[in-house]
C-alpha atoms as a PDB file:
ATOM      1  CA  MET A   1     185.728 -40.754 159.605  1.00  0.00           C
ATOM      2  CA  CYS A   2     183.086 -43.209 158.188  1.00  0.00           C
ATOM      3  CA  ARG A   3     181.304 -45.734 160.177  1.00  0.00           C
ATOM      4  CA  TRP A   4     180.467 -49.327 159.026  1.00  0.00           C
ATOM      5  CA  PHE A   5     178.522 -52.344 160.219  1.00  0.00           C
ATOM      6  CA  ALA A   6     178.446 -56.108 159.169  1.00  0.00           C
ATOM      7  CA  TYR A   7     176.478 -59.010 160.313  1.00  0.00           C
ATOM      8  CA  ILE A   8     176.916 -62.515 159.065  1.00  0.00           C
ATOM      9  CA  SER A   9     175.391 -66.007 160.226  1.00  0.00           C
ATOM     10  CA  ALA A  10     174.964 -69.254 158.861  1.00  0.00           C
ATOM     11  CA  THR A  11     171.522 -69.845 160.335  1.00  0.00           C
ATOM     12  CA  GLU A  12     170.245 -66.919 162.015  1.00  0.00           C
ATOM     13  CA  PRO A  13     168.545 -63.967 159.858  1.00  0.00           C
ATOM     14  CA  CYS A  14     168.359 -60.503 161.160  1.00  0.00           C
ATOM     15  CA  LEU A  15     165.777 -58.140 160.482  1.00  0.00           C
ATOM     16  CA  LEU A  16     167.570 -54.902 159.149  1.00  0.00           C
ATOM     17  CA  GLU A  17     165.548 -52.786 161.352  1.00  0.00           C
ATOM     18  CA  ASP A  18     166.640 -54.657 164.312  1.00  0.00           C
ATOM     19  CA  VAL A  19     170.281 -54.221 163.461  1.00  0.00           C
ATOM     20  CA  LEU A  20     170.518 -50.997 161.745  1.00  0.00           C
ATOM     21  CA  VAL A  21     167.835 -48.664 162.929  1.00  0.00           C
ATOM     22  CA  VAL A  22     166.322 -49.706 166.604  1.00  0.00           C
ATOM     23  CA  PRO A  23     169.451 -50.317 168.460  1.00  0.00           C
ATOM     24  CA  LYS A  24     170.252 -47.542 171.005  1.00  0.00           C
ATOM     25  CA  HIS A  25     173.532 -46.803 169.137  1.00  0.00           C
ATOM     26  CA  SER A  26     172.593 -48.198 165.732  1.00  0.00           C
ATOM     27  CA  ILE A  27     174.632 -47.188 162.708  1.00  0.00           C
ATOM     28  CA  VAL A  28     171.833 -44.565 161.767  1.00  0.00           C
ATOM     29  CA  LYS A  29     172.701 -42.764 165.097  1.00  0.00           C
ATOM     30  CA  GLN A  30     176.296 -42.984 164.254  1.00  0.00           C
ATOM     31  CA  VAL A  31     176.178 -40.224 161.731  1.00  0.00           C
ATOM     32  CA  ASN A  32     176.380 -37.728 164.665  1.00  0.00           C
ATOM     33  CA  GLU A  33     176.766 -39.731 167.658  1.00  0.00           C
ATOM     34  CA  HIS A  34     180.013 -41.924 168.928  1.00  0.00           C
ATOM     35  CA  TYR A  35     180.527 -44.643 171.340  1.00  0.00           C
ATOM     36  CA  LEU A  36     184.049 -45.912 171.653  1.00  0.00           C
ATOM     37  CA  PRO A  37     184.728 -47.904 174.629  1.00  0.00           C
ATOM     38  CA  LYS A  38     188.367 -49.089 175.368  1.00  0.00           C
ATOM     39  CA  ILE A  39     189.383 -46.048 173.191  1.00  0.00           C
ATOM     40  CA  TYR A  40     187.498 -42.789 173.988  1.00  0.00           C
ATOM     41  CA  ALA A  41     186.890 -41.887 177.525  1.00  0.00           C
ATOM     42  CA  HIS A  42     183.151 -41.179 177.907  1.00  0.00           C
ATOM     43  CA  SER A  43     182.988 -39.586 181.661  1.00  0.00           C
ATOM     44  CA  THR A  44     183.009 -35.917 181.668  1.00  0.00           C
ATOM     45  CA  ALA A  45     186.308 -36.077 183.956  1.00  0.00           C
ATOM     46  CA  GLU A  46     188.165 -38.326 181.752  1.00  0.00           C
ATOM     47  CA  ALA A  47     186.974 -36.775 178.416  1.00  0.00           C
ATOM     48  CA  ASP A  48     188.709 -33.490 178.819  1.00  0.00           C
ATOM     49  CA  ALA A  49     192.070 -35.261 179.032  1.00  0.00           C
ATOM     50  CA  VAL A  50     191.918 -37.104 175.965  1.00  0.00           C
ATOM     51  CA  ALA A  51     190.040 -34.620 173.731  1.00  0.00           C
ATOM     52  CA  GLU A  52     192.975 -33.815 171.663  1.00  0.00           C
ATOM     53  CA  SER A  53     194.245 -37.483 171.313  1.00  0.00           C
ATOM     54  CA  ASP A  54     195.249 -39.079 168.136  1.00  0.00           C
ATOM     55  CA  SER A  55     192.367 -41.891 168.455  1.00  0.00           C
ATOM     56  CA  VAL A  56     189.707 -39.253 169.151  1.00  0.00           C
ATOM     57  CA  LYS A  57     190.742 -37.040 166.246  1.00  0.00           C
ATOM     58  CA  ARG A  58     190.594 -40.255 163.864  1.00  0.00           C
ATOM     59  CA  ASN A  59     187.038 -41.156 164.981  1.00  0.00           C
ATOM     60  CA  ASN A  60     185.086 -37.868 166.039  1.00  0.00           C
ATOM     61  CA  PHE A  61     183.324 -37.185 162.616  1.00  0.00           C
ATOM     62  CA  PHE A  62     179.831 -36.342 161.491  1.00  0.00           C
ATOM     63  CA  ASN A  63     178.867 -38.887 158.697  1.00  0.00           C
ATOM     64  CA  GLU A  64     176.225 -36.916 156.702  1.00  0.00           C
ATOM     65  CA  ASP A  65     177.579 -37.602 153.202  1.00  0.00           C
ATOM     66  CA  GLY A  66     175.219 -40.522 152.190  1.00  0.00           C
ATOM     67  CA  PHE A  67     174.932 -44.294 153.019  1.00  0.00           C
ATOM     68  CA  GLY A  68     174.399 -47.635 151.714  1.00  0.00           C
ATOM     69  CA  VAL A  69     173.208 -51.019 152.720  1.00  0.00           C
ATOM     70  CA  ALA A  70     174.002 -54.539 151.019  1.00  0.00           C
ATOM     71  CA  TYR A  71     171.926 -57.419 151.982  1.00  0.00           C
ATOM     72  CA  TYR A  72     172.222 -60.847 150.775  1.00  0.00           C
ATOM     73  CA  THR A  73     169.073 -62.822 149.345  1.00  0.00           C
ATOM     74  CA  TYR A  74     168.603 -66.306 147.834  1.00  0.00           C
ATOM     75  CA  THR A  75     166.394 -64.855 145.209  1.00  0.00           C
ATOM     76  CA  GLN A  76     168.411 -65.646 142.182  1.00  0.00           C
ATOM     77  CA  GLU A  77     169.270 -68.968 143.370  1.00  0.00           C
ATOM     78  CA  GLU A  78     165.443 -69.735 143.771  1.00  0.00           C
ATOM     79  CA  TYR A  79     164.874 -68.903 140.180  1.00  0.00           C
ATOM     80  CA  GLY A  80     167.813 -71.143 138.938  1.00  0.00           C
ATOM     81  CA  GLU A  81     170.202 -68.216 137.873  1.00  0.00           C
ATOM     82  CA  VAL A  82     172.982 -68.905 140.260  1.00  0.00           C
ATOM     83  CA  VAL A  83     174.145 -70.873 143.066  1.00  0.00           C
ATOM     84  CA  GLY A  84     174.448 -69.178 146.708  1.00  0.00           C
ATOM     85  CA  PRO A  85     173.293 -65.737 147.809  1.00  0.00           C
ATOM     86  CA  ARG A  86     173.741 -62.578 146.004  1.00  0.00           C
ATOM     87  CA  PRO A  87     173.692 -59.051 147.383  1.00  0.00           C
ATOM     88  CA  GLN A  88     170.768 -56.494 146.788  1.00  0.00           C
ATOM     89  CA  LEU A  89     172.561 -53.077 147.062  1.00  0.00           C
ATOM     90  CA  TYR A  90     170.663 -49.712 148.027  1.00  0.00           C
ATOM     91  CA  ARG A  91     172.849 -46.483 148.321  1.00  0.00           C
ATOM     92  CA  SER A  92     171.639 -42.839 148.887  1.00  0.00           C
ATOM     93  CA  ILE A  93     173.507 -39.451 149.158  1.00  0.00           C
ATOM     94  CA  GLN A  94     171.209 -38.639 152.127  1.00  0.00           C
ATOM     95  CA  PRO A  95     171.752 -39.473 155.748  1.00  0.00           C
ATOM     96  CA  PRO A  96     169.830 -42.926 156.203  1.00  0.00           C
ATOM     97  CA  GLY A  97     167.493 -41.255 159.075  1.00  0.00           C
ATOM     98  CA  ASN A  98     166.111 -38.936 156.266  1.00  0.00           C
ATOM     99  CA  ASP A  99     165.192 -41.745 153.509  1.00  0.00           C
ATOM    100  CA  SER A 100     161.874 -43.096 153.941  1.00  0.00           C
ATOM    101  CA  ASN A 101     162.439 -45.631 151.365  1.00  0.00           C
ATOM    102  CA  PHE A 102     165.438 -46.970 153.424  1.00  0.00           C
ATOM    103  CA  MET A 103     163.393 -47.203 156.600  1.00  0.00           C
ATOM    104  CA  SER A 104     160.711 -49.150 154.648  1.00  0.00           C
ATOM    105  CA  LEU A 105     163.095 -51.519 153.297  1.00  0.00           C
ATOM    106  CA  CYS A 106     164.475 -52.365 156.866  1.00  0.00           C
ATOM    107  CA  GLN A 107     161.228 -52.761 158.300  1.00  0.00           C
ATOM    108  CA  ASN A 108     160.621 -55.555 155.723  1.00  0.00           C
ATOM    109  CA  THR A 109     163.948 -57.316 155.063  1.00  0.00           C
ATOM    110  CA  SER A 110     165.499 -59.901 156.746  1.00  0.00           C
ATOM    111  CA  THR A 111     168.898 -61.305 155.792  1.00  0.00           C
ATOM    112  CA  ARG A 112     171.801 -64.008 157.202  1.00  0.00           C
ATOM    113  CA  CYS A 113     174.307 -61.419 155.927  1.00  0.00           C
ATOM    114  CA  ALA A 114     174.376 -57.505 155.792  1.00  0.00           C
ATOM    115  CA  PHE A 115     176.802 -54.653 155.175  1.00  0.00           C
ATOM    116  CA  ALA A 116     175.873 -51.043 156.088  1.00  0.00           C
ATOM    117  CA  HIS A 117     177.980 -47.648 155.842  1.00  0.00           C
ATOM    118  CA  VAL A 118     177.713 -44.163 156.471  1.00  0.00           C
ATOM    119  CA  ARG A 119     180.121 -41.510 154.865  1.00  0.00           C
ATOM    120  CA  ALA A 120     182.094 -38.763 155.941  1.00  0.00           C
ATOM    121  CA  ALA A 121     183.164 -37.764 152.214  1.00  0.00           C
ATOM    122  CA  THR A 122     186.884 -37.042 151.461  1.00  0.00           C
ATOM    123  CA  SER A 123     185.980 -36.798 147.722  1.00  0.00           C
ATOM    124  CA  VAL A 124     182.711 -36.173 145.685  1.00  0.00           C
ATOM    125  CA  VAL A 125     179.388 -36.616 147.252  1.00  0.00           C
ATOM    126  CA  HIS A 126     177.712 -39.023 144.622  1.00  0.00           C
ATOM    127  CA  SER A 127     175.714 -42.350 145.144  1.00  0.00           C
ATOM    128  CA  TYR A 128     178.755 -44.035 143.159  1.00  0.00           C
ATOM    129  CA  ASN A 129     181.099 -43.137 145.911  1.00  0.00           C
ATOM    130  CA  ASN A 130     178.606 -44.693 148.720  1.00  0.00           C
ATOM    131  CA  HIS A 131     179.950 -47.938 150.124  1.00  0.00           C
ATOM    132  CA  PRO A 132     179.420 -50.838 149.880  1.00  0.00           C
ATOM    133  CA  PHE A 133     180.717 -51.691 146.634  1.00  0.00           C
ATOM    134  CA  GLN A 134     179.782 -54.702 144.720  1.00  0.00           C
ATOM    135  CA  PHE A 135     181.714 -57.041 142.593  1.00  0.00           C
ATOM    136  CA  GLY A 136     179.347 -60.042 141.447  1.00  0.00           C
ATOM    137  CA  ARG A 137     178.527 -61.817 144.772  1.00  0.00           C
ATOM    138  CA  HIS A 138     181.292 -60.143 146.618  1.00  0.00           C
ATOM    139  CA  VAL A 139     180.830 -56.837 148.697  1.00  0.00           C
ATOM    140  CA  PHE A 140     183.506 -54.575 150.064  1.00  0.00           C
ATOM    141  CA  GLN A 141     183.492 -51.415 152.255  1.00  0.00           C
ATOM    142  CA  HIS A 142     186.113 -49.266 153.954  1.00  0.00           C
ATOM    143  CA  ASN A 143     186.743 -46.780 156.913  1.00  0.00           C
ATOM    144  CA  GLY A 144     189.841 -44.619 156.793  1.00  0.00           C
ATOM    145  CA  SER A 145     191.957 -43.419 154.075  1.00  0.00           C
ATOM    146  CA  VAL A 146     194.965 -43.730 151.687  1.00  0.00           C
ATOM    147  CA  ASP A 147     197.263 -41.075 152.153  1.00  0.00           C
ATOM    148  CA  HIS A 148     198.091 -39.280 149.131  1.00  0.00           C
ATOM    149  CA  PHE A 149     195.791 -41.302 147.059  1.00  0.00           C
ATOM    150  CA  ASP A 150     196.177 -38.906 144.290  1.00  0.00           C
ATOM    151  CA  LEU A 151     199.723 -39.564 143.653  1.00  0.00           C
ATOM    152  CA  ILE A 152     199.130 -43.376 143.461  1.00  0.00           C
ATOM    153  CA  ARG A 153     195.735 -43.803 141.956  1.00  0.00           C
ATOM    154  CA  MET A 154     197.148 -44.331 138.328  1.00  0.00           C
ATOM    155  CA  LYS A 155     199.489 -46.955 139.626  1.00  0.00           C
ATOM    156  CA  MET A 156     196.816 -48.622 141.523  1.00  0.00           C
ATOM    157  CA  LEU A 157     194.605 -48.759 138.226  1.00  0.00           C
ATOM    158  CA  ALA A 158     197.626 -50.329 136.407  1.00  0.00           C
ATOM    159  CA  LEU A 159     198.007 -53.136 138.785  1.00  0.00           C
ATOM    160  CA  MET A 160     194.360 -53.979 138.236  1.00  0.00           C
ATOM    161  CA  SER A 161     192.744 -56.527 136.142  1.00  0.00           C
ATOM    162  CA  PRO A 162     190.802 -55.092 133.186  1.00  0.00           C
ATOM    163  CA  LYS A 163     187.536 -56.532 134.827  1.00  0.00           C
ATOM    164  CA  ALA A 164     188.233 -54.879 138.011  1.00  0.00           C
ATOM    165  CA  MET A 165     189.346 -51.654 136.467  1.00  0.00           C
ATOM    166  CA  THR A 166     186.001 -51.181 134.405  1.00  0.00           C
ATOM    167  CA  ASN A 167     184.120 -51.930 137.462  1.00  0.00           C
ATOM    168  CA  ILE A 168     185.402 -48.864 139.157  1.00  0.00           C
ATOM    169  CA  HIS A 169     182.588 -46.139 138.877  1.00  0.00           C
ATOM    170  CA  GLY A 170     183.462 -43.776 141.358  1.00  0.00           C
ATOM    171  CA  SER A 171     186.338 -41.579 142.632  1.00  0.00           C
ATOM    172  CA  THR A 172     187.187 -42.761 146.271  1.00  0.00           C
ATOM    173  CA  ASP A 173     190.422 -44.433 147.467  1.00  0.00           C
ATOM    174  CA  SER A 174     188.147 -47.225 148.891  1.00  0.00           C
ATOM    175  CA  GLU A 175     186.490 -48.457 145.710  1.00  0.00           C
ATOM    176  CA  HIS A 176     190.214 -48.543 144.070  1.00  0.00           C
ATOM    177  CA  ILE A 177     191.313 -50.918 147.235  1.00  0.00           C
ATOM    178  CA  ALA A 178     188.294 -52.872 146.278  1.00  0.00           C
ATOM    179  CA  GLY A 179     189.396 -53.126 142.673  1.00  0.00           C
ATOM    180  CA  LEU A 180     192.817 -54.336 143.986  1.00  0.00           C
ATOM    181  CA  TYR A 181     191.390 -56.794 146.303  1.00  0.00           C
ATOM    182  CA  MET A 182     189.089 -58.490 143.435  1.00  0.00           C
ATOM    183  CA  THR A 183     192.096 -58.500 141.044  1.00  0.00           C
ATOM    184  CA  TYR A 184     194.182 -60.414 143.735  1.00  0.00           C
ATOM    185  CA  LEU A 185     191.109 -62.709 144.529  1.00  0.00           C
ATOM    186  CA  GLY A 186     190.298 -63.728 141.152  1.00  0.00           C
ATOM    187  CA  GLU A 187     188.578 -63.201 137.807  1.00  0.00           C
ATOM    188  CA  ASP A 188     185.379 -65.353 138.617  1.00  0.00           C
ATOM    189  CA  TRP A 189     183.291 -63.099 140.676  1.00  0.00           C
ATOM    190  CA  ASN A 190     180.241 -65.522 141.051  1.00  0.00           C
ATOM    191  CA  LYS A 191     182.676 -68.210 142.441  1.00  0.00           C
ATOM    192  CA  GLN A 192     183.084 -68.630 146.384  1.00  0.00           C
ATOM    193  CA  TYR A 193     186.855 -68.689 147.043  1.00  0.00           C
ATOM    194  CA  PRO A 194     187.932 -70.273 150.252  1.00  0.00           C
ATOM    195  CA  VAL A 195     188.042 -67.901 153.168  1.00  0.00           C
ATOM    196  CA  ALA A 196     191.968 -68.036 153.284  1.00  0.00           C
ATOM    197  CA  GLU A 197     192.157 -66.862 149.709  1.00  0.00           C
ATOM    198  CA  MET A 198     190.001 -63.969 150.678  1.00  0.00           C
ATOM    199  CA  LYS A 199     192.310 -63.039 153.372  1.00  0.00           C
ATOM    200  CA  ALA A 200     195.359 -63.361 151.412  1.00  0.00           C
ATOM    201  CA  ALA A 201     193.745 -61.032 148.745  1.00  0.00           C
ATOM    202  CA  LEU A 202     192.889 -58.516 151.305  1.00  0.00           C
ATOM    203  CA  ASP A 203     196.277 -58.505 152.840  1.00  0.00           C
ATOM    204  CA  LYS A 204     198.144 -58.298 149.628  1.00  0.00           C
ATOM    205  CA  ALA A 205     195.905 -55.328 148.766  1.00  0.00           C
ATOM    206  CA  ILE A 206     196.940 -53.572 151.758  1.00  0.00           C
ATOM    207  CA  SER A 207     200.539 -54.372 151.314  1.00  0.00           C
ATOM    208  CA  THR A 208     200.460 -53.106 147.692  1.00  0.00           C
ATOM    209  CA  ILE A 209     199.195 -49.671 148.640  1.00  0.00           C
ATOM    210  CA  ILE A 210     201.726 -49.396 151.296  1.00  0.00           C
ATOM    211  CA  GLN A 211     204.457 -50.337 148.778  1.00  0.00           C
ATOM    212  CA  LEU A 212     203.236 -47.753 146.290  1.00  0.00           C
ATOM    213  CA  GLN A 213     203.385 -45.017 148.934  1.00  0.00           C
ATOM    214  CA  THR A 214     206.909 -45.688 149.715  1.00  0.00           C
ATOM    215  CA  GLU A 215     207.806 -45.111 146.101  1.00  0.00           C
ATOM    216  CA  ILE A 216     206.421 -41.675 145.823  1.00  0.00           C
ATOM    217  CA  ASN A 217     207.800 -38.269 146.957  1.00  0.00           C
ATOM    218  CA  PRO A 218     205.223 -35.831 148.029  1.00  0.00           C
ATOM    219  CA  PRO A 219     205.965 -32.089 148.285  1.00  0.00           C
ATOM    220  CA  PRO A 220     207.738 -31.476 151.539  1.00  0.00           C
ATOM    221  CA  SER A 221     204.816 -29.387 152.705  1.00  0.00           C
ATOM    222  CA  ASP A 222     202.611 -32.240 152.636  1.00  0.00           C
ATOM    223  CA  GLY A 223     204.778 -35.243 153.536  1.00  0.00           C
ATOM    224  CA  LEU A 224     203.818 -38.931 153.347  1.00  0.00           C
ATOM    225  CA  GLN A 225     201.407 -39.763 156.364  1.00  0.00           C
ATOM    226  CA  PRO A 226     200.184 -43.181 157.668  1.00  0.00           C
ATOM    227  CA  SER A 227     196.976 -44.801 155.933  1.00  0.00           C
ATOM    228  CA  SER A 228     194.259 -46.236 157.894  1.00  0.00           C
ATOM    229  CA  LEU A 229     192.758 -49.000 156.368  1.00  0.00           C
ATOM    230  CA  ASN A 230     189.617 -50.605 158.134  1.00  0.00           C
ATOM    231  CA  LEU A 231     188.514 -52.932 155.592  1.00  0.00           C
ATOM    232  CA  CYS A 232     185.629 -55.744 155.256  1.00  0.00           C
ATOM    233  CA  THR A 233     184.556 -57.963 152.654  1.00  0.00           C
ATOM    234  CA  THR A 234     182.234 -60.936 152.013  1.00  0.00           C
ATOM    235  CA  ASP A 235     180.643 -63.275 149.413  1.00  0.00           C
ATOM    236  CA  GLY A 236     177.418 -63.563 151.748  1.00  0.00           C
ATOM    237  CA  GLU A 237     178.543 -66.626 153.497  1.00  0.00           C
ATOM    238  CA  GLN A 238     182.252 -65.821 154.581  1.00  0.00           C
ATOM    239  CA  LEU A 239     183.760 -62.581 155.894  1.00  0.00           C
ATOM    240  CA  VAL A 240     187.196 -61.196 156.164  1.00  0.00           C
ATOM    241  CA  ALA A 241     187.954 -57.686 157.926  1.00  0.00           C
ATOM    242  CA  ALA A 242     191.080 -55.866 158.787  1.00  0.00           C
ATOM    243  CA  ARG A 243     191.913 -52.967 161.429  1.00  0.00           C
ATOM    244  CA  PHE A 244     195.109 -51.403 160.045  1.00  0.00           C
ATOM    245  CA  ARG A 245     197.409 -48.459 160.360  1.00  0.00           C
ATOM    246  CA  ASN A 246     200.919 -48.397 159.197  1.00  0.00           C
ATOM    247  CA  VAL A 247     202.489 -46.854 161.933  1.00  0.00           C
ATOM    248  CA  LYS A 248     204.399 -48.403 164.921  1.00  0.00           C
ATOM    249  CA  GLY A 249     203.390 -47.769 168.571  1.00  0.00           C
ATOM    250  CA  ASP A 250     200.256 -48.599 170.549  1.00  0.00           C
ATOM    251  CA  GLU A 251     199.572 -44.828 170.935  1.00  0.00           C
ATOM    252  CA  HIS A 252     199.014 -44.623 167.001  1.00  0.00           C
ATOM    253  CA  GLN A 253     195.834 -46.558 166.564  1.00  0.00           C
ATOM    254  CA  PRO A 254     193.548 -47.361 163.495  1.00  0.00           C
ATOM    255  CA  PRO A 255     190.049 -46.005 163.409  1.00  0.00           C
ATOM    256  CA  SER A 256     187.937 -48.202 165.748  1.00  0.00           C
ATOM    257  CA  LEU A 257     186.649 -51.483 165.000  1.00  0.00           C
ATOM    258  CA  TYR A 258     184.872 -53.861 167.415  1.00  0.00           C
ATOM    259  CA  PHE A 259     183.231 -57.567 167.091  1.00  0.00           C
ATOM    260  CA  SER A 260     180.821 -59.338 168.838  1.00  0.00           C
ATOM    261  CA  THR A 261     179.316 -62.883 168.838  1.00  0.00           C
ATOM    262  CA  SER A 262     176.646 -62.265 171.421  1.00  0.00           C
ATOM    263  CA  ALA A 263     175.086 -58.947 170.744  1.00  0.00           C
ATOM    264  CA  GLY A 264     172.709 -60.331 168.020  1.00  0.00           C
ATOM    265  CA  VAL A 265     170.695 -61.922 170.578  1.00  0.00           C
ATOM    266  CA  SER A 266     169.688 -58.574 172.179  1.00  0.00           C
ATOM    267  CA  LEU A 267     169.219 -56.989 168.700  1.00  0.00           C
ATOM    268  CA  ASN A 268     166.795 -59.556 167.422  1.00  0.00           C
ATOM    269  CA  ARG A 269     163.214 -58.899 168.651  1.00  0.00           C
ATOM    270  CA  LYS A 270     162.400 -62.531 168.799  1.00  0.00           C
ATOM    271  CA  TYR A 271     164.693 -62.906 171.734  1.00  0.00           C
ATOM    272  CA  PRO A 272     164.917 -61.517 175.083  1.00  0.00           C
ATOM    273  CA  GLY A 273     166.499 -58.029 175.603  1.00  0.00           C
ATOM    274  CA  HIS A 274     165.411 -56.367 172.261  1.00  0.00           C
ATOM    275  CA  PRO A 275     164.207 -52.747 172.868  1.00  0.00           C
ATOM    276  CA  ASP A 276     160.737 -53.539 171.650  1.00  0.00           C
ATOM    277  CA  ASP A 277     160.762 -56.995 173.306  1.00  0.00           C
ATOM    278  CA  PRO A 278     157.415 -56.544 175.217  1.00  0.00           C
ATOM    279  CA  THR A 279     155.444 -56.119 172.194  1.00  0.00           C
ATOM    280  CA  TYR A 280     156.842 -59.508 170.708  1.00  0.00           C
ATOM    281  CA  LYS A 281     156.204 -61.244 174.046  1.00  0.00           C
ATOM    282  CA  ALA A 282     152.450 -61.552 173.277  1.00  0.00           C
ATOM    283  CA  THR A 283     153.316 -64.276 170.925  1.00  0.00           C
ATOM    284  CA  GLY A 284     156.333 -65.661 173.018  1.00  0.00           C
ATOM    285  CA  THR A 285     159.916 -65.057 172.765  1.00  0.00           C
ATOM    286  CA  LYS A 286     162.531 -67.682 172.020  1.00  0.00           C
ATOM    287  CA  PRO A 287     165.134 -68.691 174.484  1.00  0.00           C
ATOM    288  CA  ALA A 288     168.449 -66.549 174.139  1.00  0.00           C
ATOM    289  CA  GLU A 289     170.650 -69.943 173.869  1.00  0.00           C
ATOM    290  CA  SER A 290     168.696 -70.877 170.591  1.00  0.00           C
ATOM    291  CA  HIS A 291     170.063 -67.897 168.622  1.00  0.00           C
ATOM    292  CA  GLY A 292     172.279 -69.143 165.910  1.00  0.00           C
ATOM    293  CA  GLU A 293     176.012 -68.418 165.636  1.00  0.00           C
ATOM    294  CA  HIS A 294     176.723 -64.986 164.206  1.00  0.00           C
ATOM    295  CA  LEU A 295     179.371 -62.336 164.002  1.00  0.00           C
ATOM    296  CA  ILE A 296     178.816 -58.354 164.077  1.00  0.00           C
ATOM    297  CA  ILE A 297     181.910 -56.282 163.364  1.00  0.00           C
ATOM    298  CA  ALA A 298     181.357 -52.641 163.297  1.00  0.00           C
ATOM    299  CA  SER A 299     183.298 -49.425 163.626  1.00  0.00           C
ATOM    300  CA  GLU A 300     181.325 -48.840 166.897  1.00  0.00           C
ATOM    301  CA  PRO A 301     179.344 -50.817 169.185  1.00  0.00           C
ATOM    302  CA  THR A 302     175.636 -50.759 168.561  1.00  0.00           C
ATOM    303  CA  THR A 303     174.725 -51.651 171.926  1.00  0.00           C
ATOM    304  CA  PHE A 304     175.934 -49.987 175.305  1.00  0.00           C
ATOM    305  CA  ASP A 305     176.903 -53.120 176.720  1.00  0.00           C
ATOM    306  CA  GLU A 306     180.535 -53.225 176.699  1.00  0.00           C
ATOM    307  CA  ASN A 307     180.852 -56.901 177.775  1.00  0.00           C
ATOM    308  CA  GLN A 308     179.454 -57.821 174.378  1.00  0.00           C
ATOM    309  CA  TRP A 309     182.139 -56.088 172.504  1.00  0.00           C
ATOM    310  CA  THR A 310     185.875 -56.677 171.824  1.00  0.00           C
ATOM    311  CA  LEU A 311     188.005 -54.154 170.216  1.00  0.00           C
ATOM    312  CA  VAL A 312     189.877 -55.684 167.220  1.00  0.00           C
ATOM    313  CA  PRO A 313     193.561 -55.355 167.804  1.00  0.00           C
ATOM    314  CA  LYS A 314     195.819 -53.177 165.965  1.00  0.00           C
ATOM    315  CA  ASN A 315     196.940 -54.677 162.420  1.00  0.00           C
ATOM    316  CA  LYS A 316     194.828 -57.827 162.749  1.00  0.00           C
ATOM    317  CA  ASP A 317     192.486 -59.620 160.683  1.00  0.00           C
ATOM    318  CA  ILE A 318     188.965 -61.137 161.566  1.00  0.00           C
ATOM    319  CA  VAL A 319     188.127 -64.092 159.567  1.00  0.00           C
ATOM    320  CA  VAL A 320     184.884 -66.166 159.694  1.00  0.00           C
ATOM    321  CA  GLY A 321     184.494 -69.175 157.348  1.00  0.00           C
ATOM    322  CA  LYS A 322     181.351 -71.038 156.326  1.00  0.00           C
ATOM    323  CA  ASP A 323     181.458 -72.766 159.703  1.00  0.00           C
ATOM    324  CA  MET A 324     181.056 -69.506 161.605  1.00  0.00           C
ATOM    325  CA  ARG A 325     184.407 -70.097 163.730  1.00  0.00           C
ATOM    326  CA  VAL A 326     185.791 -66.825 164.078  1.00  0.00           C
ATOM    327  CA  THR A 327     189.488 -66.308 164.259  1.00  0.00           C
ATOM    328  CA  ILE A 328     191.920 -63.277 164.972  1.00  0.00           C
ATOM    329  CA  GLU A 329     194.807 -63.459 162.679  1.00  0.00           C
ATOM    330  CA  GLU A 330     197.900 -61.578 161.610  1.00  0.00           C
ATOM    331  CA  GLY A 331     197.442 -58.938 159.242  1.00  0.00           C
ATOM    332  CA  PRO A 332     199.981 -57.981 156.415  1.00  0.00           C
ATOM    333  CA  VAL A 333     203.455 -58.755 157.221  1.00  0.00           C
ATOM    334  CA  GLY A 334     206.675 -57.380 155.461  1.00  0.00           C
ATOM    335  CA  PHE A 335     205.154 -53.935 154.904  1.00  0.00           C
ATOM    336  CA  THR A 336     206.971 -50.571 155.288  1.00  0.00           C
ATOM    337  CA  SER A 337     206.038 -49.028 158.510  1.00  0.00           C
ATOM    338  CA  PHE A 338     206.278 -45.559 160.040  1.00  0.00           C
ATOM    339  CA  GLU A 339     208.252 -45.137 163.256  1.00  0.00           C
ATOM    340  CA  ALA A 340     206.314 -43.897 166.183  1.00  0.00           C
END
């Protein structure tokens, strides 16, 4: 299953190297390593008992089929083209650790909003199929799968606006979900919509997919299975994420998703706790309490301090407005769910 990472702050830039490469369990390392507190037993004694569990099977994959990063800059605004930040996109079919251009970019780029994704392909390995996906100032990424996407793909396309449909360049279920989201959000992709409208559009996209699935009749040998939809979208200043799986019962969990409003301090080399902190102390570190408000939401924690991370509850949305107030809200309602 894919892994993704998102960082957002109204005031505190992060160095991409500090959040994507250096951490002990950075997304670069999540290509072939996994750390799932509150889901997966990491001690040897416990691990044997849960090795075949539903949650482990849904999270324990290698993610070697490419990666992407989107980071927001104000360059276009500075040159009078637009108002607000716009995303710079870099995607490759290599694993990130093998891409020297990516490493150089991370060493020399800071931003107040970044998305990153490593892919375990369920369709063609191609740069078009790598997340994140860009729609004007909006960026979108996904971890999970739409069951029998092949049977509902044309119906999804039929519901999209012409603008969204023509912006679908790849073959993934993820980019098609993004097309539905942008259709429901609005036609002006340079506009900043209220964060409540972003959440409503994301929930509607999820509900639409589940409804379309109830209308199909797959072969008995295949059967219709639940869909896992861990989704995240941003306009560079606001963010909405969902951890969703349409099956009842606490034992049937979506792929992992965690959030933190404190880990960014120890991931920033200007503050105490960073792995390279001694090298920065030569010029003096900033007090931790001066770090700006921020949110990190990620498939797996990037630090091994469990106290810094909270597991996103099943079928809930994480909503962050321009004021950086983080709320956990109900996800889609009224959808058809599988029984446990």
